[in-house]
């Protein structure tokens, strides 16, 4: 079958212009520990490829491992089909393909499936999908009639495409990793966030989680900082609107860290902020893993003068100009997880049970 000619609308070569110039091992996550002695030479043993969603994070992970980012290209044909190609041999070698499922999610998902299929079809020894943000983890159950469980479907698609292993950070519903029929390393950003907040004055501070369903995760974060935790009684009434019917627990501090796994439109966070301001708190912080800041989120958060700092990680690329935004890199966590997988070491210090 003759291929349609490329339309010229999009052509990208990932990694071709990125040199292996820096080794960022000093950012090894807390509790993970650096490798003992000199690092083994990983060149020729593992290849890191990137889709279009986050080549910068892929390059940081490759630098942590001391290898160059492997080149690939994605072409869009005139009929809107995507065509991907790995631009170096990976036969009988480990392949990691990084693609975060940030908007446009469907575009990035399709490219990831094609990259996985290309790696598997070219006789790679092992193919790992590195997905810092797995957006479909919100769709983990049937909570309305006649709907699909999208997280299960996407997990099946990834495995069918060629993924033999996956690394995902802080899924909204942690049980989603059980939908995969291949091993999944569910990594945590907690050590990165804790390290940052340990540098701040945390006297007279509480941790507040908007949804009691996320209280266990928030409790681990609060315990690591030696702070009390309070949970909100949240009810979602629309995709971009929530109601919080009070807080569970007493809050008597003047500062609060609002802790959540992700912020999209900011509805949950803003509902908590309103309650905290009504209670007289004067200094607020936000900590989250996935900062999408979509729709009205930027305007909403920028309108709160009591909000001293918004802290998120770079699981999704940050293109919005938010005041007081601090972005922490998760490259050391993913880099260390890849290294430990290659050397057969335990990944337990990188999880948050």
C-alpha atoms as a PDB file:
ATOM      1  CA  UNK A   1       0.000   0.000   0.000  1.00  0.00           C
ATOM      2  CA  UNK A   2       1.411   3.338  -1.048  1.00  0.00           C
ATOM      3  CA  UNK A   3       1.804   5.849   1.782  1.00  0.00           C
ATOM      4  CA  UNK A   4       0.150   9.240   1.369  1.00  0.00           C
ATOM      5  CA  UNK A   5       2.616  12.062   1.019  1.00  0.00           C
ATOM      6  CA  UNK A   6       3.416  14.143   4.119  1.00  0.00           C
ATOM      7  CA  UNK A   7       1.438  17.356   4.250  1.00  0.00           C
ATOM      8  CA  UNK A   8       4.322  19.400   5.576  1.00  0.00           C
ATOM      9  CA  UNK A   9       2.153  20.613   8.452  1.00  0.00           C
ATOM     10  CA  UNK A  10       4.322  18.999  11.074  1.00  0.00           C
ATOM     11  CA  UNK A  11       7.683  17.341  11.145  1.00  0.00           C
ATOM     12  CA  UNK A  12       9.651  16.821  14.303  1.00  0.00           C
ATOM     13  CA  UNK A  13      12.835  15.050  15.187  1.00  0.00           C
ATOM     14  CA  UNK A  14      13.034  14.426  18.933  1.00  0.00           C
ATOM     15  CA  UNK A  15      16.433  14.340  20.531  1.00  0.00           C
ATOM     16  CA  UNK A  16      18.501  15.026  17.449  1.00  0.00           C
ATOM     17  CA  UNK A  17      19.729  18.393  18.679  1.00  0.00           C
ATOM     18  CA  UNK A  18      20.144  17.521  22.350  1.00  0.00           C
ATOM     19  CA  UNK A  19      23.688  16.784  23.465  1.00  0.00           C
ATOM     20  CA  UNK A  20      24.620  14.727  26.498  1.00  0.00           C
ATOM     21  CA  UNK A  21      26.275  17.600  28.336  1.00  0.00           C
ATOM     22  CA  UNK A  22      25.193  17.390  31.962  1.00  0.00           C
ATOM     23  CA  UNK A  23      24.843  14.750  34.588  1.00  0.00           C
ATOM     24  CA  UNK A  24      22.113  15.752  37.034  1.00  0.00           C
ATOM     25  CA  UNK A  25      22.577  12.932  39.502  1.00  0.00           C
ATOM     26  CA  UNK A  26      22.868  15.350  42.412  1.00  0.00           C
ATOM     27  CA  UNK A  27      19.066  15.603  42.306  1.00  0.00           C
ATOM     28  CA  UNK A  28      18.611  12.003  43.453  1.00  0.00           C
ATOM     29  CA  UNK A  29      15.295  11.904  45.339  1.00  0.00           C
ATOM     30  CA  UNK A  30      15.188  11.770  49.101  1.00  0.00           C
ATOM     31  CA  UNK A  31      15.135   8.245  50.408  1.00  0.00           C
ATOM     32  CA  UNK A  32      16.198   6.883  47.024  1.00  0.00           C
ATOM     33  CA  UNK A  33      19.927   7.163  47.531  1.00  0.00           C
ATOM     34  CA  UNK A  34      22.532   7.553  44.829  1.00  0.00           C
ATOM     35  CA  UNK A  35      24.189   4.588  43.230  1.00  0.00           C
ATOM     36  CA  UNK A  36      27.119   3.233  45.223  1.00  0.00           C
ATOM     37  CA  UNK A  37      30.402   3.964  43.484  1.00  0.00           C
ATOM     38  CA  UNK A  38      30.722   4.898  39.779  1.00  0.00           C
ATOM     39  CA  UNK A  39      27.598   4.530  37.695  1.00  0.00           C
ATOM     40  CA  UNK A  40      27.703   1.766  35.096  1.00  0.00           C
ATOM     41  CA  UNK A  41      27.958   2.863  31.491  1.00  0.00           C
ATOM     42  CA  UNK A  42      24.356   2.752  30.277  1.00  0.00           C
ATOM     43  CA  UNK A  43      25.124   3.839  26.708  1.00  0.00           C
ATOM     44  CA  UNK A  44      24.113   1.054  24.364  1.00  0.00           C
ATOM     45  CA  UNK A  45      22.039  -0.667  27.073  1.00  0.00           C
ATOM     46  CA  UNK A  46      19.041   1.641  27.221  1.00  0.00           C
ATOM     47  CA  UNK A  47      17.495   4.210  24.889  1.00  0.00           C
ATOM     48  CA  UNK A  48      15.239   7.079  25.968  1.00  0.00           C
ATOM     49  CA  UNK A  49      12.852   8.303  23.270  1.00  0.00           C
ATOM     50  CA  UNK A  50      10.364  11.154  23.625  1.00  0.00           C
ATOM     51  CA  UNK A  51       7.017  11.900  22.093  1.00  0.00           C
ATOM     52  CA  UNK A  52       5.901  15.444  21.382  1.00  0.00           C
ATOM     53  CA  UNK A  53       4.373  16.137  24.791  1.00  0.00           C
ATOM     54  CA  UNK A  54       7.453  16.712  26.967  1.00  0.00           C
ATOM     55  CA  UNK A  55      10.889  16.368  25.287  1.00  0.00           C
ATOM     56  CA  UNK A  56      12.460  18.627  27.941  1.00  0.00           C
ATOM     57  CA  UNK A  57      11.668  16.173  30.746  1.00  0.00           C
ATOM     58  CA  UNK A  58      12.891  13.276  28.608  1.00  0.00           C
ATOM     59  CA  UNK A  59      16.185  15.110  28.071  1.00  0.00           C
ATOM     60  CA  UNK A  60      16.536  15.708  31.834  1.00  0.00           C
ATOM     61  CA  UNK A  61      15.995  12.004  32.533  1.00  0.00           C
ATOM     62  CA  UNK A  62      18.537  11.033  29.881  1.00  0.00           C
ATOM     63  CA  UNK A  63      21.038  13.481  31.390  1.00  0.00           C
ATOM     64  CA  UNK A  64      20.475  11.963  34.838  1.00  0.00           C
ATOM     65  CA  UNK A  65      21.359   8.570  33.370  1.00  0.00           C
ATOM     66  CA  UNK A  66      24.372   9.977  31.535  1.00  0.00           C
ATOM     67  CA  UNK A  67      23.119   9.076  28.056  1.00  0.00           C
ATOM     68  CA  UNK A  68      21.915  11.146  25.086  1.00  0.00           C
ATOM     69  CA  UNK A  69      18.240  11.386  24.251  1.00  0.00           C
ATOM     70  CA  UNK A  70      17.639   9.041  21.326  1.00  0.00           C
ATOM     71  CA  UNK A  71      16.219  10.634  18.160  1.00  0.00           C
ATOM     72  CA  UNK A  72      12.837   9.902  16.621  1.00  0.00           C
ATOM     73  CA  UNK A  73      10.568  11.658  14.191  1.00  0.00           C
ATOM     74  CA  UNK A  74       6.838  12.134  13.871  1.00  0.00           C
ATOM     75  CA  UNK A  75       5.200  13.138  10.595  1.00  0.00           C
ATOM     76  CA  UNK A  76       1.587  14.028   9.932  1.00  0.00           C
ATOM     77  CA  UNK A  77       0.357  12.830   6.556  1.00  0.00           C
ATOM     78  CA  UNK A  78      -2.084  14.760   4.383  1.00  0.00           C
ATOM     79  CA  UNK A  79      -4.898  12.448   5.537  1.00  0.00           C
ATOM     80  CA  UNK A  80      -4.129  13.423   9.187  1.00  0.00           C
ATOM     81  CA  UNK A  81      -2.530  10.060  10.016  1.00  0.00           C
ATOM     82  CA  UNK A  82       0.592  10.055  12.166  1.00  0.00           C
ATOM     83  CA  UNK A  83       3.802   8.306  11.144  1.00  0.00           C
ATOM     84  CA  UNK A  84       6.573   7.701  13.682  1.00  0.00           C
ATOM     85  CA  UNK A  85      10.081   6.354  13.272  1.00  0.00           C
ATOM     86  CA  UNK A  86      12.874   5.558  15.732  1.00  0.00           C
ATOM     87  CA  UNK A  87      16.051   6.926  14.182  1.00  0.00           C
ATOM     88  CA  UNK A  88      18.543   4.484  15.697  1.00  0.00           C
ATOM     89  CA  UNK A  89      18.652   0.741  16.183  1.00  0.00           C
ATOM     90  CA  UNK A  90      17.310  -0.678  19.438  1.00  0.00           C
ATOM     91  CA  UNK A  91      17.530  -4.391  18.654  1.00  0.00           C
ATOM     92  CA  UNK A  92      17.935  -6.459  21.840  1.00  0.00           C
ATOM     93  CA  UNK A  93      18.214  -3.298  23.972  1.00  0.00           C
ATOM     94  CA  UNK A  94      15.958  -1.703  26.599  1.00  0.00           C
ATOM     95  CA  UNK A  95      13.754   1.107  25.333  1.00  0.00           C
ATOM     96  CA  UNK A  96      11.967   3.758  27.423  1.00  0.00           C
ATOM     97  CA  UNK A  97       9.435   5.951  25.648  1.00  0.00           C
ATOM     98  CA  UNK A  98       8.348   9.075  27.514  1.00  0.00           C
ATOM     99  CA  UNK A  99       5.009  10.666  26.784  1.00  0.00           C
ATOM    100  CA  UNK A 100       2.940  12.572  29.314  1.00  0.00           C
ATOM    101  CA  UNK A 101      -0.792  12.597  28.600  1.00  0.00           C
ATOM    102  CA  UNK A 102      -1.307  16.342  28.814  1.00  0.00           C
ATOM    103  CA  UNK A 103      -3.543  18.196  26.334  1.00  0.00           C
ATOM    104  CA  UNK A 104      -4.046  17.432  23.502  1.00  0.00           C
ATOM    105  CA  UNK A 105      -4.432  14.061  25.242  1.00  0.00           C
ATOM    106  CA  UNK A 106      -5.754  12.011  22.321  1.00  0.00           C
ATOM    107  CA  UNK A 107      -2.986  13.264  20.014  1.00  0.00           C
ATOM    108  CA  UNK A 108      -0.300  12.390  22.554  1.00  0.00           C
ATOM    109  CA  UNK A 109      -1.858   9.014  23.339  1.00  0.00           C
ATOM    110  CA  UNK A 110      -1.930   7.992  19.675  1.00  0.00           C
ATOM    111  CA  UNK A 111       1.698   9.031  19.192  1.00  0.00           C
ATOM    112  CA  UNK A 112       2.688   7.034  22.283  1.00  0.00           C
ATOM    113  CA  UNK A 113       0.926   3.921  20.966  1.00  0.00           C
ATOM    114  CA  UNK A 114       2.740   4.214  17.638  1.00  0.00           C
ATOM    115  CA  UNK A 115       6.126   4.709  19.315  1.00  0.00           C
ATOM    116  CA  UNK A 116       5.579   1.666  21.540  1.00  0.00           C
ATOM    117  CA  UNK A 117       4.542  -0.398  18.532  1.00  0.00           C
ATOM    118  CA  UNK A 118       7.601   0.722  16.572  1.00  0.00           C
ATOM    119  CA  UNK A 119       9.947  -0.237  19.413  1.00  0.00           C
ATOM    120  CA  UNK A 120       8.323  -3.625  19.931  1.00  0.00           C
ATOM    121  CA  UNK A 121       8.318  -4.338  16.211  1.00  0.00           C
ATOM    122  CA  UNK A 122      12.022  -3.663  15.866  1.00  0.00           C
ATOM    123  CA  UNK A 123      12.978  -6.389  18.372  1.00  0.00           C
ATOM    124  CA  UNK A 124      13.733  -4.275  21.434  1.00  0.00           C
ATOM    125  CA  UNK A 125      14.546  -6.454  24.440  1.00  0.00           C
ATOM    126  CA  UNK A 126      12.121  -4.621  26.734  1.00  0.00           C
ATOM    127  CA  UNK A 127       9.804  -1.681  26.043  1.00  0.00           C
ATOM    128  CA  UNK A 128       8.772   0.608  28.920  1.00  0.00           C
ATOM    129  CA  UNK A 129       6.142   3.341  28.726  1.00  0.00           C
ATOM    130  CA  UNK A 130       7.189   6.311  30.884  1.00  0.00           C
ATOM    131  CA  UNK A 131       3.984   8.284  31.526  1.00  0.00           C
ATOM    132  CA  UNK A 132       4.526  11.048  34.109  1.00  0.00           C
ATOM    133  CA  UNK A 133       0.868  12.120  33.942  1.00  0.00           C
ATOM    134  CA  UNK A 134      -1.737   9.453  33.153  1.00  0.00           C
ATOM    135  CA  UNK A 135      -4.809  11.617  32.609  1.00  0.00           C
ATOM    136  CA  UNK A 136      -7.249   8.732  32.218  1.00  0.00           C
ATOM    137  CA  UNK A 137      -6.667   7.589  35.800  1.00  0.00           C
ATOM    138  CA  UNK A 138      -9.715   9.708  36.725  1.00  0.00           C
ATOM    139  CA  UNK A 139     -11.920   7.294  34.760  1.00  0.00           C
ATOM    140  CA  UNK A 140     -11.524   4.273  37.031  1.00  0.00           C
ATOM    141  CA  UNK A 141     -15.130   3.131  37.588  1.00  0.00           C
ATOM    142  CA  UNK A 142     -18.695   3.275  36.348  1.00  0.00           C
ATOM    143  CA  UNK A 143     -20.267   6.078  38.368  1.00  0.00           C
ATOM    144  CA  UNK A 144     -22.981   6.813  35.774  1.00  0.00           C
ATOM    145  CA  UNK A 145     -25.073   4.552  33.532  1.00  0.00           C
ATOM    146  CA  UNK A 146     -23.717   3.368  30.160  1.00  0.00           C
ATOM    147  CA  UNK A 147     -20.193   4.806  30.377  1.00  0.00           C
ATOM    148  CA  UNK A 148     -16.847   3.229  29.645  1.00  0.00           C
ATOM    149  CA  UNK A 149     -14.048   2.677  32.139  1.00  0.00           C
ATOM    150  CA  UNK A 150     -11.503   4.556  30.071  1.00  0.00           C
ATOM    151  CA  UNK A 151      -8.531   3.871  32.344  1.00  0.00           C
ATOM    152  CA  UNK A 152      -8.894   0.119  31.764  1.00  0.00           C
ATOM    153  CA  UNK A 153      -9.265   0.600  28.008  1.00  0.00           C
ATOM    154  CA  UNK A 154      -6.174   2.816  27.744  1.00  0.00           C
ATOM    155  CA  UNK A 155      -4.151   0.354  29.833  1.00  0.00           C
ATOM    156  CA  UNK A 156      -5.130  -2.428  27.423  1.00  0.00           C
ATOM    157  CA  UNK A 157      -4.226  -0.265  24.417  1.00  0.00           C
ATOM    158  CA  UNK A 158      -0.761   0.465  25.808  1.00  0.00           C
ATOM    159  CA  UNK A 159      -0.040  -3.218  26.411  1.00  0.00           C
ATOM    160  CA  UNK A 160      -1.405  -4.224  22.998  1.00  0.00           C
ATOM    161  CA  UNK A 161       0.785  -1.581  21.351  1.00  0.00           C
ATOM    162  CA  UNK A 162       3.902  -3.092  22.900  1.00  0.00           C
ATOM    163  CA  UNK A 163       4.415  -1.817  26.448  1.00  0.00           C
ATOM    164  CA  UNK A 164       5.937  -4.544  28.626  1.00  0.00           C
ATOM    165  CA  UNK A 165       6.339  -2.277  31.647  1.00  0.00           C
ATOM    166  CA  UNK A 166       5.088   1.160  32.690  1.00  0.00           C
ATOM    167  CA  UNK A 167       6.162   3.943  35.030  1.00  0.00           C
ATOM    168  CA  UNK A 168       3.484   6.408  36.088  1.00  0.00           C
ATOM    169  CA  UNK A 169       3.536   9.128  38.748  1.00  0.00           C
ATOM    170  CA  UNK A 170       0.775   9.833  41.286  1.00  0.00           C
ATOM    171  CA  UNK A 171      -2.356   8.499  39.623  1.00  0.00           C
ATOM    172  CA  UNK A 172      -5.595  10.151  40.717  1.00  0.00           C
ATOM    173  CA  UNK A 173      -7.008   6.704  41.499  1.00  0.00           C
ATOM    174  CA  UNK A 174      -4.053   4.536  42.609  1.00  0.00           C
ATOM    175  CA  UNK A 175      -5.957   1.309  41.958  1.00  0.00           C
ATOM    176  CA  UNK A 176      -5.745   2.013  38.211  1.00  0.00           C
ATOM    177  CA  UNK A 177      -2.298   0.431  38.098  1.00  0.00           C
ATOM    178  CA  UNK A 178      -4.120  -2.859  38.682  1.00  0.00           C
ATOM    179  CA  UNK A 179      -5.785  -2.460  35.259  1.00  0.00           C
ATOM    180  CA  UNK A 180      -2.456  -3.170  33.555  1.00  0.00           C
ATOM    181  CA  UNK A 181      -1.523  -6.754  32.697  1.00  0.00           C
ATOM    182  CA  UNK A 182       2.187  -5.827  32.790  1.00  0.00           C
ATOM    183  CA  UNK A 183       4.274  -4.553  35.744  1.00  0.00           C
ATOM    184  CA  UNK A 184       3.637  -0.920  36.703  1.00  0.00           C
ATOM    185  CA  UNK A 185       5.872   1.223  38.906  1.00  0.00           C
ATOM    186  CA  UNK A 186       3.566   3.784  40.522  1.00  0.00           C
ATOM    187  CA  UNK A 187       6.075   6.467  41.484  1.00  0.00           C
ATOM    188  CA  UNK A 188       5.527   9.249  44.019  1.00  0.00           C
ATOM    189  CA  UNK A 189       6.482  12.931  43.962  1.00  0.00           C
ATOM    190  CA  UNK A 190       6.234  13.143  47.747  1.00  0.00           C
ATOM    191  CA  UNK A 191       9.989  13.274  48.415  1.00  0.00           C
ATOM    192  CA  UNK A 192      10.399  16.131  45.910  1.00  0.00           C
ATOM    193  CA  UNK A 193       7.586  18.168  47.488  1.00  0.00           C
ATOM    194  CA  UNK A 194       8.695  17.432  51.056  1.00  0.00           C
ATOM    195  CA  UNK A 195      12.266  18.527  50.298  1.00  0.00           C
ATOM    196  CA  UNK A 196      10.955  21.857  49.017  1.00  0.00           C
ATOM    197  CA  UNK A 197       8.635  22.627  51.931  1.00  0.00           C
ATOM    198  CA  UNK A 198      11.254  21.631  54.506  1.00  0.00           C
ATOM    199  CA  UNK A 199      13.148  24.763  53.422  1.00  0.00           C
ATOM    200  CA  UNK A 200      10.241  27.041  54.411  1.00  0.00           C
ATOM    201  CA  UNK A 201       9.024  28.297  57.772  1.00  0.00           C
ATOM    202  CA  UNK A 202       6.307  25.790  58.666  1.00  0.00           C
ATOM    203  CA  UNK A 203       5.489  27.079  62.135  1.00  0.00           C
ATOM    204  CA  UNK A 204       1.757  27.489  62.726  1.00  0.00           C
ATOM    205  CA  UNK A 205       0.929  25.524  59.544  1.00  0.00           C
ATOM    206  CA  UNK A 206      -1.617  22.819  58.697  1.00  0.00           C
ATOM    207  CA  UNK A 207      -1.992  20.606  55.624  1.00  0.00           C
ATOM    208  CA  UNK A 208      -5.457  20.783  54.068  1.00  0.00           C
ATOM    209  CA  UNK A 209      -6.667  18.288  51.459  1.00  0.00           C
ATOM    210  CA  UNK A 210      -9.802  19.247  49.470  1.00  0.00           C
ATOM    211  CA  UNK A 211     -11.144  15.687  49.218  1.00  0.00           C
ATOM    212  CA  UNK A 212     -11.242  13.207  52.077  1.00  0.00           C
ATOM    213  CA  UNK A 213     -10.688  10.506  49.460  1.00  0.00           C
ATOM    214  CA  UNK A 214      -7.137  11.818  49.102  1.00  0.00           C
ATOM    215  CA  UNK A 215      -6.579  12.047  52.870  1.00  0.00           C
ATOM    216  CA  UNK A 216      -4.246   9.043  53.073  1.00  0.00           C
ATOM    217  CA  UNK A 217      -1.844  10.547  50.549  1.00  0.00           C
ATOM    218  CA  UNK A 218      -2.036  13.946  52.265  1.00  0.00           C
ATOM    219  CA  UNK A 219      -1.451  12.349  55.674  1.00  0.00           C
ATOM    220  CA  UNK A 220       1.855  10.871  54.488  1.00  0.00           C
ATOM    221  CA  UNK A 221       2.902  14.297  53.208  1.00  0.00           C
ATOM    222  CA  UNK A 222       1.863  16.011  56.463  1.00  0.00           C
ATOM    223  CA  UNK A 223       3.570  13.372  58.607  1.00  0.00           C
ATOM    224  CA  UNK A 224       6.840  13.827  56.712  1.00  0.00           C
ATOM    225  CA  UNK A 225       6.679  17.549  57.553  1.00  0.00           C
ATOM    226  CA  UNK A 226       5.447  17.051  61.124  1.00  0.00           C
ATOM    227  CA  UNK A 227       2.198  18.929  60.473  1.00  0.00           C
ATOM    228  CA  UNK A 228      -1.475  18.265  61.288  1.00  0.00           C
ATOM    229  CA  UNK A 229      -3.846  17.413  58.436  1.00  0.00           C
ATOM    230  CA  UNK A 230      -7.438  18.506  57.791  1.00  0.00           C
ATOM    231  CA  UNK A 231      -9.707  17.136  55.035  1.00  0.00           C
ATOM    232  CA  UNK A 232     -12.537  18.709  53.067  1.00  0.00           C
ATOM    233  CA  UNK A 233     -15.877  17.013  52.483  1.00  0.00           C
ATOM    234  CA  UNK A 234     -16.022  17.466  48.697  1.00  0.00           C
ATOM    235  CA  UNK A 235     -18.876  16.915  46.271  1.00  0.00           C
ATOM    236  CA  UNK A 236     -18.303  17.365  42.532  1.00  0.00           C
ATOM    237  CA  UNK A 237     -21.379  18.874  40.885  1.00  0.00           C
ATOM    238  CA  UNK A 238     -19.829  19.482  37.436  1.00  0.00           C
ATOM    239  CA  UNK A 239     -16.534  18.977  35.631  1.00  0.00           C
ATOM    240  CA  UNK A 240     -15.327  22.445  36.640  1.00  0.00           C
ATOM    241  CA  UNK A 241     -17.381  23.025  39.796  1.00  0.00           C
ATOM    242  CA  UNK A 242     -17.243  21.436  43.231  1.00  0.00           C
ATOM    243  CA  UNK A 243     -18.820  22.099  46.594  1.00  0.00           C
ATOM    244  CA  UNK A 244     -16.997  21.517  49.867  1.00  0.00           C
ATOM    245  CA  UNK A 245     -19.354  21.007  52.782  1.00  0.00           C
ATOM    246  CA  UNK A 246     -16.998  22.041  55.550  1.00  0.00           C
ATOM    247  CA  UNK A 247     -13.720  20.653  56.867  1.00  0.00           C
ATOM    248  CA  UNK A 248     -13.242  17.434  58.800  1.00  0.00           C
ATOM    249  CA  UNK A 249     -10.919  18.299  61.658  1.00  0.00           C
ATOM    250  CA  UNK A 250     -10.073  21.500  63.494  1.00  0.00           C
ATOM    251  CA  UNK A 251      -7.783  24.105  61.998  1.00  0.00           C
ATOM    252  CA  UNK A 252      -6.295  26.649  64.371  1.00  0.00           C
ATOM    253  CA  UNK A 253      -3.206  27.712  62.425  1.00  0.00           C
ATOM    254  CA  UNK A 254      -2.727  30.895  60.431  1.00  0.00           C
ATOM    255  CA  UNK A 255      -0.954  29.136  57.538  1.00  0.00           C
ATOM    256  CA  UNK A 256      -2.071  26.214  55.381  1.00  0.00           C
ATOM    257  CA  UNK A 257      -0.620  24.052  52.618  1.00  0.00           C
ATOM    258  CA  UNK A 258      -3.415  22.913  50.304  1.00  0.00           C
ATOM    259  CA  UNK A 259      -2.354  19.500  49.031  1.00  0.00           C
ATOM    260  CA  UNK A 260      -3.817  17.712  46.007  1.00  0.00           C
ATOM    261  CA  UNK A 261      -2.684  15.273  43.331  1.00  0.00           C
ATOM    262  CA  UNK A 262      -3.573  17.536  40.403  1.00  0.00           C
ATOM    263  CA  UNK A 263      -5.054  20.937  39.652  1.00  0.00           C
ATOM    264  CA  UNK A 264      -7.031  21.329  36.432  1.00  0.00           C
ATOM    265  CA  UNK A 265      -9.567  24.167  36.539  1.00  0.00           C
ATOM    266  CA  UNK A 266      -8.815  24.862  40.196  1.00  0.00           C
ATOM    267  CA  UNK A 267     -12.400  24.412  41.384  1.00  0.00           C
ATOM    268  CA  UNK A 268     -11.537  22.195  44.361  1.00  0.00           C
ATOM    269  CA  UNK A 269      -8.652  24.380  45.472  1.00  0.00           C
ATOM    270  CA  UNK A 270     -10.674  27.591  45.211  1.00  0.00           C
ATOM    271  CA  UNK A 271     -13.506  26.084  47.272  1.00  0.00           C
ATOM    272  CA  UNK A 272     -11.008  25.235  50.026  1.00  0.00           C
ATOM    273  CA  UNK A 273      -9.364  28.653  49.799  1.00  0.00           C
ATOM    274  CA  UNK A 274     -12.724  30.356  50.378  1.00  0.00           C
ATOM    275  CA  UNK A 275     -13.308  28.312  53.542  1.00  0.00           C
ATOM    276  CA  UNK A 276      -9.794  28.967  54.850  1.00  0.00           C
ATOM    277  CA  UNK A 277     -10.026  32.715  54.254  1.00  0.00           C
ATOM    278  CA  UNK A 278     -13.391  32.792  56.022  1.00  0.00           C
ATOM    279  CA  UNK A 279     -11.664  31.091  58.975  1.00  0.00           C
ATOM    280  CA  UNK A 280      -9.108  33.913  59.072  1.00  0.00           C
ATOM    281  CA  UNK A 281      -6.009  32.216  57.634  1.00  0.00           C
ATOM    282  CA  UNK A 282      -3.601  34.772  56.225  1.00  0.00           C
ATOM    283  CA  UNK A 283      -0.962  32.731  54.374  1.00  0.00           C
ATOM    284  CA  UNK A 284      -1.696  29.930  51.912  1.00  0.00           C
ATOM    285  CA  UNK A 285       0.433  27.554  49.833  1.00  0.00           C
ATOM    286  CA  UNK A 286      -0.512  24.961  47.234  1.00  0.00           C
ATOM    287  CA  UNK A 287       1.320  21.683  46.638  1.00  0.00           C
ATOM    288  CA  UNK A 288       0.385  19.332  43.813  1.00  0.00           C
ATOM    289  CA  UNK A 289       2.030  16.819  41.506  1.00  0.00           C
ATOM    290  CA  UNK A 290       0.272  17.617  38.230  1.00  0.00           C
ATOM    291  CA  UNK A 291      -0.257  21.311  37.502  1.00  0.00           C
ATOM    292  CA  UNK A 292      -2.495  21.442  34.437  1.00  0.00           C
ATOM    293  CA  UNK A 293      -3.966  24.882  35.259  1.00  0.00           C
ATOM    294  CA  UNK A 294      -6.569  24.635  32.500  1.00  0.00           C
ATOM    295  CA  UNK A 295      -9.567  26.822  31.744  1.00  0.00           C
ATOM    296  CA  UNK A 296     -10.124  29.483  34.430  1.00  0.00           C
ATOM    297  CA  UNK A 297      -7.458  28.122  36.817  1.00  0.00           C
ATOM    298  CA  UNK A 298      -4.820  30.793  36.155  1.00  0.00           C
ATOM    299  CA  UNK A 299      -7.232  33.699  36.630  1.00  0.00           C
ATOM    300  CA  UNK A 300      -8.753  32.077  39.715  1.00  0.00           C
ATOM    301  CA  UNK A 301      -5.444  31.473  41.462  1.00  0.00           C
ATOM    302  CA  UNK A 302      -4.005  34.852  40.482  1.00  0.00           C
ATOM    303  CA  UNK A 303      -6.946  36.554  42.212  1.00  0.00           C
ATOM    304  CA  UNK A 304      -5.922  35.348  45.704  1.00  0.00           C
ATOM    305  CA  UNK A 305      -3.345  37.709  47.281  1.00  0.00           C
ATOM    306  CA  UNK A 306      -2.960  35.441  50.322  1.00  0.00           C
ATOM    307  CA  UNK A 307      -1.566  32.696  48.073  1.00  0.00           C
ATOM    308  CA  UNK A 308       2.188  32.902  48.725  1.00  0.00           C
ATOM    309  CA  UNK A 309       3.399  30.046  46.523  1.00  0.00           C
ATOM    310  CA  UNK A 310       2.028  27.446  44.112  1.00  0.00           C
ATOM    311  CA  UNK A 311       4.272  24.389  43.934  1.00  0.00           C
ATOM    312  CA  UNK A 312       3.905  21.695  41.296  1.00  0.00           C
ATOM    313  CA  UNK A 313       6.185  19.318  39.405  1.00  0.00           C
ATOM    314  CA  UNK A 314       7.065  19.160  35.732  1.00  0.00           C
ATOM    315  CA  UNK A 315       5.062  16.010  34.957  1.00  0.00           C
ATOM    316  CA  UNK A 316       3.319  18.262  32.444  1.00  0.00           C
ATOM    317  CA  UNK A 317       5.094  21.162  30.690  1.00  0.00           C
ATOM    318  CA  UNK A 318       4.313  24.549  32.205  1.00  0.00           C
ATOM    319  CA  UNK A 319       3.306  27.184  29.656  1.00  0.00           C
ATOM    320  CA  UNK A 320       1.090  29.346  31.863  1.00  0.00           C
ATOM    321  CA  UNK A 321       2.401  32.430  33.634  1.00  0.00           C
ATOM    322  CA  UNK A 322       1.144  31.989  37.175  1.00  0.00           C
ATOM    323  CA  UNK A 323       2.349  34.320  39.911  1.00  0.00           C
ATOM    324  CA  UNK A 324       4.472  32.639  42.574  1.00  0.00           C
ATOM    325  CA  UNK A 325       4.650  29.372  40.619  1.00  0.00           C
ATOM    326  CA  UNK A 326       7.483  27.026  41.598  1.00  0.00           C
ATOM    327  CA  UNK A 327       8.067  24.014  39.333  1.00  0.00           C
ATOM    328  CA  UNK A 328      10.076  21.075  40.711  1.00  0.00           C
ATOM    329  CA  UNK A 329      11.659  18.494  38.422  1.00  0.00           C
ATOM    330  CA  UNK A 330      10.721  14.822  38.739  1.00  0.00           C
ATOM    331  CA  UNK A 331      13.555  13.768  36.411  1.00  0.00           C
ATOM    332  CA  UNK A 332      15.637  12.398  39.341  1.00  0.00           C
ATOM    333  CA  UNK A 333      12.759  10.144  40.418  1.00  0.00           C
ATOM    334  CA  UNK A 334      12.176   8.708  36.949  1.00  0.00           C
ATOM    335  CA  UNK A 335      15.901   8.527  36.212  1.00  0.00           C
ATOM    336  CA  UNK A 336      16.576   6.658  39.437  1.00  0.00           C
ATOM    337  CA  UNK A 337      13.643   4.307  38.791  1.00  0.00           C
ATOM    338  CA  UNK A 338      14.982   3.473  35.330  1.00  0.00           C
ATOM    339  CA  UNK A 339      18.495   2.932  36.699  1.00  0.00           C
ATOM    340  CA  UNK A 340      17.236   0.645  39.462  1.00  0.00           C
ATOM    341  CA  UNK A 341      15.166  -1.355  36.991  1.00  0.00           C
ATOM    342  CA  UNK A 342      18.214  -1.883  34.791  1.00  0.00           C
ATOM    343  CA  UNK A 343      20.402  -2.954  37.715  1.00  0.00           C
ATOM    344  CA  UNK A 344      17.762  -5.115  39.401  1.00  0.00           C
ATOM    345  CA  UNK A 345      17.578  -2.972  42.562  1.00  0.00           C
ATOM    346  CA  UNK A 346      14.496  -2.356  44.679  1.00  0.00           C
ATOM    347  CA  UNK A 347      12.309   0.634  43.801  1.00  0.00           C
ATOM    348  CA  UNK A 348      10.574   0.676  47.194  1.00  0.00           C
ATOM    349  CA  UNK A 349      12.184   3.988  48.323  1.00  0.00           C
ATOM    350  CA  UNK A 350      10.614   5.705  45.294  1.00  0.00           C
ATOM    351  CA  UNK A 351       7.068   4.688  46.213  1.00  0.00           C
ATOM    352  CA  UNK A 352       4.762   6.153  48.876  1.00  0.00           C
ATOM    353  CA  UNK A 353       2.696   3.277  50.249  1.00  0.00           C
END
